[in-house]
Amino acid sequence: MSAQRALQADASAASSGGGRGTLPRRRPAGGPAEQGAHAGPYAEDQAFLAEQRAALLEERATYQEQAEALRAEAESLALEREPGDVQFDEESGEGGTAAVDRERDLTLSAQALSTIAEIDAALAAIEAGTYGVCEQCGQPIPQARLRALPYARLCVACKSGGLHRR
């Protein structure tokens, strides 16, 4: 049963007395055990999944390298400053440049690690056979979107409704 037919069946049940006053149930975003026998829209397209797996692994390696480099840079900036050392320079008036640079590097490193977690979730979805299903509405995420952002969790329609996830 397609995701669209499942949603229509839920809506039909909700409107026919038995589920009066309830909204259609959203399909869980977990693996096949949580979704019953529903496979992702691309479960049979092994070429596409292999292409996506390769792209995800390549991006993961890039983000891992960036996270490690940024963390190392932040640690080196911390080691360069002695505790209680406040320097003044002509441009900023206060010597907070190293601290700002360190915080920026730590923030960018954390963002890279967060993206790695999203990539890992996409790789797990490929293995579970559920890759390409929107976590919000349960509809297939178009291949063009997945090629542009292989770890996308939401379709374009759901993503445009908010900025909380990719």
Protein backbone atom coordinates (compact mmCIF):
# COMPACT_ATOMS: atom_id res chain seq x y z
CA MET A 1 0.00 0.00 0.00
CA SER A 2 1.43 3.36 -0.96
CA ALA A 3 1.92 6.08 1.61
CA GLN A 4 -0.78 8.16 -0.07
CA ARG A 5 -3.33 5.32 0.05
CA ALA A 6 -2.44 4.65 3.70
CA LEU A 7 -3.10 8.30 4.58
CA GLN A 8 -6.38 8.23 2.63
CA ALA A 9 -7.46 5.06 4.46
CA ASP A 10 -6.64 6.67 7.81
CA ALA A 11 -8.60 9.80 6.84
CA SER A 12 -11.53 7.68 5.68
CA ALA A 13 -11.57 5.74 8.97
CA ALA A 14 -11.38 8.98 10.93
CA SER A 15 -14.35 10.47 9.09
CA SER A 16 -16.54 7.36 9.35
CA GLY A 17 -17.71 7.38 12.95
CA GLY A 18 -15.03 5.01 14.31
CA GLY A 19 -12.33 7.64 14.61
CA ARG A 20 -14.59 10.64 15.04
CA GLY A 21 -12.68 13.73 16.11
CA THR A 22 -9.25 12.27 15.50
CA LEU A 23 -6.70 13.29 12.94
CA PRO A 24 -5.16 10.82 10.52
CA ARG A 25 -2.24 9.03 12.10
CA ARG A 26 1.21 9.97 10.89
CA ARG A 27 3.36 7.03 9.91
CA PRO A 28 6.37 6.49 12.17
CA ALA A 29 9.76 7.43 10.73
CA GLY A 30 11.59 4.37 12.04
CA GLY A 31 12.58 1.12 10.37
CA PRO A 32 10.43 -1.54 8.73
CA ALA A 33 9.52 -3.11 12.08
CA GLU A 34 7.93 0.18 13.15
CA GLN A 35 6.25 0.78 9.79
CA GLY A 36 5.01 -2.73 9.15
CA ALA A 37 5.74 -3.93 5.63
CA HIS A 38 6.01 -0.43 4.12
CA ALA A 39 9.28 0.02 2.27
CA GLY A 40 10.75 3.31 1.17
CA PRO A 41 9.89 4.56 -2.31
CA TYR A 42 13.36 3.72 -3.64
CA ALA A 43 13.87 0.35 -1.91
CA GLU A 44 13.89 -1.46 -5.27
CA ASP A 45 16.09 1.11 -7.07
CA GLN A 46 19.47 -0.34 -6.14
CA ALA A 47 21.40 1.91 -8.56
CA PHE A 48 19.93 5.06 -7.01
CA LEU A 49 20.58 3.77 -3.48
CA ALA A 50 24.18 2.88 -4.34
CA GLU A 51 24.67 6.38 -5.80
CA GLN A 52 23.18 7.96 -2.67
CA ARG A 53 25.23 5.76 -0.32
CA ALA A 54 28.43 6.81 -2.13
CA ALA A 55 27.45 10.50 -1.98
CA LEU A 56 26.59 10.21 1.73
CA LEU A 57 29.88 8.49 2.57
CA GLU A 58 31.82 11.12 0.63
CA GLU A 59 30.03 13.97 2.42
CA ARG A 60 30.49 12.23 5.75
CA ALA A 61 34.25 12.01 5.22
CA THR A 62 34.38 15.70 4.26
CA TYR A 63 32.40 16.81 7.31
CA GLN A 64 34.44 14.55 9.60
CA GLU A 65 37.66 16.09 8.30
CA GLN A 66 36.27 19.61 8.76
CA ALA A 67 35.05 18.88 12.29
CA GLU A 68 38.42 17.51 13.33
CA ALA A 69 40.35 20.40 11.74
CA LEU A 70 38.11 23.01 13.37
CA ARG A 71 38.33 21.34 16.78
CA ALA A 72 42.14 21.19 16.49
CA GLU A 73 42.26 24.87 15.52
CA ALA A 74 40.06 25.80 18.48
CA GLU A 75 42.28 23.83 20.85
CA SER A 76 45.42 25.47 19.47
CA LEU A 77 43.86 28.91 19.96
CA ALA A 78 43.06 28.00 23.56
CA LEU A 79 46.63 26.85 24.17
CA GLU A 80 48.09 30.07 22.73
CA ARG A 81 46.35 32.17 25.37
CA GLU A 82 47.38 32.02 28.96
CA PRO A 83 44.67 32.12 31.66
CA GLY A 84 43.75 35.67 32.55
CA ASP A 85 45.69 37.02 29.59
CA VAL A 86 43.88 40.03 28.12
CA GLN A 87 45.50 41.69 25.17
CA PHE A 88 44.56 44.99 23.65
CA ASP A 89 45.12 45.91 20.05
CA GLU A 90 44.48 49.00 17.99
CA GLU A 91 41.69 47.56 15.83
CA SER A 92 39.22 46.08 18.28
CA GLY A 93 40.17 47.83 21.47
CA GLU A 94 39.95 44.57 23.40
CA GLY A 95 41.83 41.37 22.81
CA GLY A 96 38.89 39.04 22.32
CA THR A 97 39.78 38.06 18.78
CA ALA A 98 41.27 34.70 19.75
CA ALA A 99 38.27 33.88 21.92
CA VAL A 100 35.86 34.80 19.13
CA ASP A 101 37.84 32.71 16.63
CA ARG A 102 37.86 29.79 19.04
CA GLU A 103 34.10 29.99 19.63
CA ARG A 104 33.49 30.21 15.89
CA ASP A 105 35.63 27.11 15.28
CA LEU A 106 33.85 25.19 18.04
CA THR A 107 30.44 26.16 16.67
CA LEU A 108 31.35 25.15 13.12
CA SER A 109 32.78 21.87 14.42
CA ALA A 110 29.54 21.15 16.29
CA GLN A 111 27.51 21.91 13.14
CA ALA A 112 29.69 19.51 11.13
CA LEU A 113 29.16 16.80 13.78
CA SER A 114 25.40 17.41 13.66
CA THR A 115 25.43 16.96 9.89
CA ILE A 116 27.40 13.73 10.33
CA ALA A 117 24.62 12.47 12.61
CA GLU A 118 22.04 13.30 9.91
CA ILE A 119 24.16 11.51 7.30
CA ASP A 120 24.40 8.47 9.58
CA ALA A 121 20.59 8.47 9.92
CA ALA A 122 20.25 8.56 6.12
CA LEU A 123 22.71 5.66 5.77
CA ALA A 124 20.71 3.70 8.35
CA ALA A 125 17.50 4.43 6.41
CA ILE A 126 19.11 3.05 3.25
CA GLU A 127 20.03 -0.13 5.12
CA ALA A 128 16.53 -0.37 6.63
CA GLY A 129 14.88 0.13 3.24
CA THR A 130 13.08 3.33 4.28
CA TYR A 131 15.28 5.94 2.57
CA GLY A 132 13.44 8.76 0.83
CA VAL A 133 10.30 8.92 3.00
CA CYS A 134 9.39 12.34 4.42
CA GLU A 135 9.44 12.09 8.21
CA GLN A 136 6.56 14.54 8.52
CA CYS A 137 3.98 13.54 5.91
CA GLY A 138 5.18 10.07 4.87
CA GLN A 139 5.27 10.97 1.16
CA PRO A 140 8.28 10.15 -1.04
CA ILE A 141 11.02 12.79 -1.16
CA PRO A 142 11.76 13.48 -4.85
CA GLN A 143 15.03 12.07 -6.19
CA ALA A 144 16.12 15.55 -7.31
CA ARG A 145 15.96 16.77 -3.69
CA LEU A 146 17.80 13.71 -2.42
CA ARG A 147 20.50 14.17 -5.03
CA ALA A 148 20.93 17.80 -3.96
CA LEU A 149 20.77 17.00 -0.23
CA PRO A 150 21.26 13.24 0.26
CA TYR A 151 20.44 13.39 3.98
CA ALA A 152 17.17 15.31 3.56
CA ARG A 153 14.51 14.12 6.02
CA LEU A 154 11.62 16.24 4.77
CA CYS A 155 10.03 16.78 1.36
CA VAL A 156 10.05 20.31 -0.05
CA ALA A 157 6.43 20.99 0.98
CA CYS A 158 7.05 20.03 4.61
CA LYS A 159 10.44 21.74 4.73
CA SER A 160 8.98 25.02 3.50
CA GLY A 161 6.64 24.93 6.50
CA GLY A 162 9.50 25.40 8.95
CA LEU A 163 13.25 25.70 9.34
CA HIS A 164 13.86 23.19 12.13
CA ARG A 165 15.26 20.32 10.03
CA ARG A 166 16.85 19.58 6.69
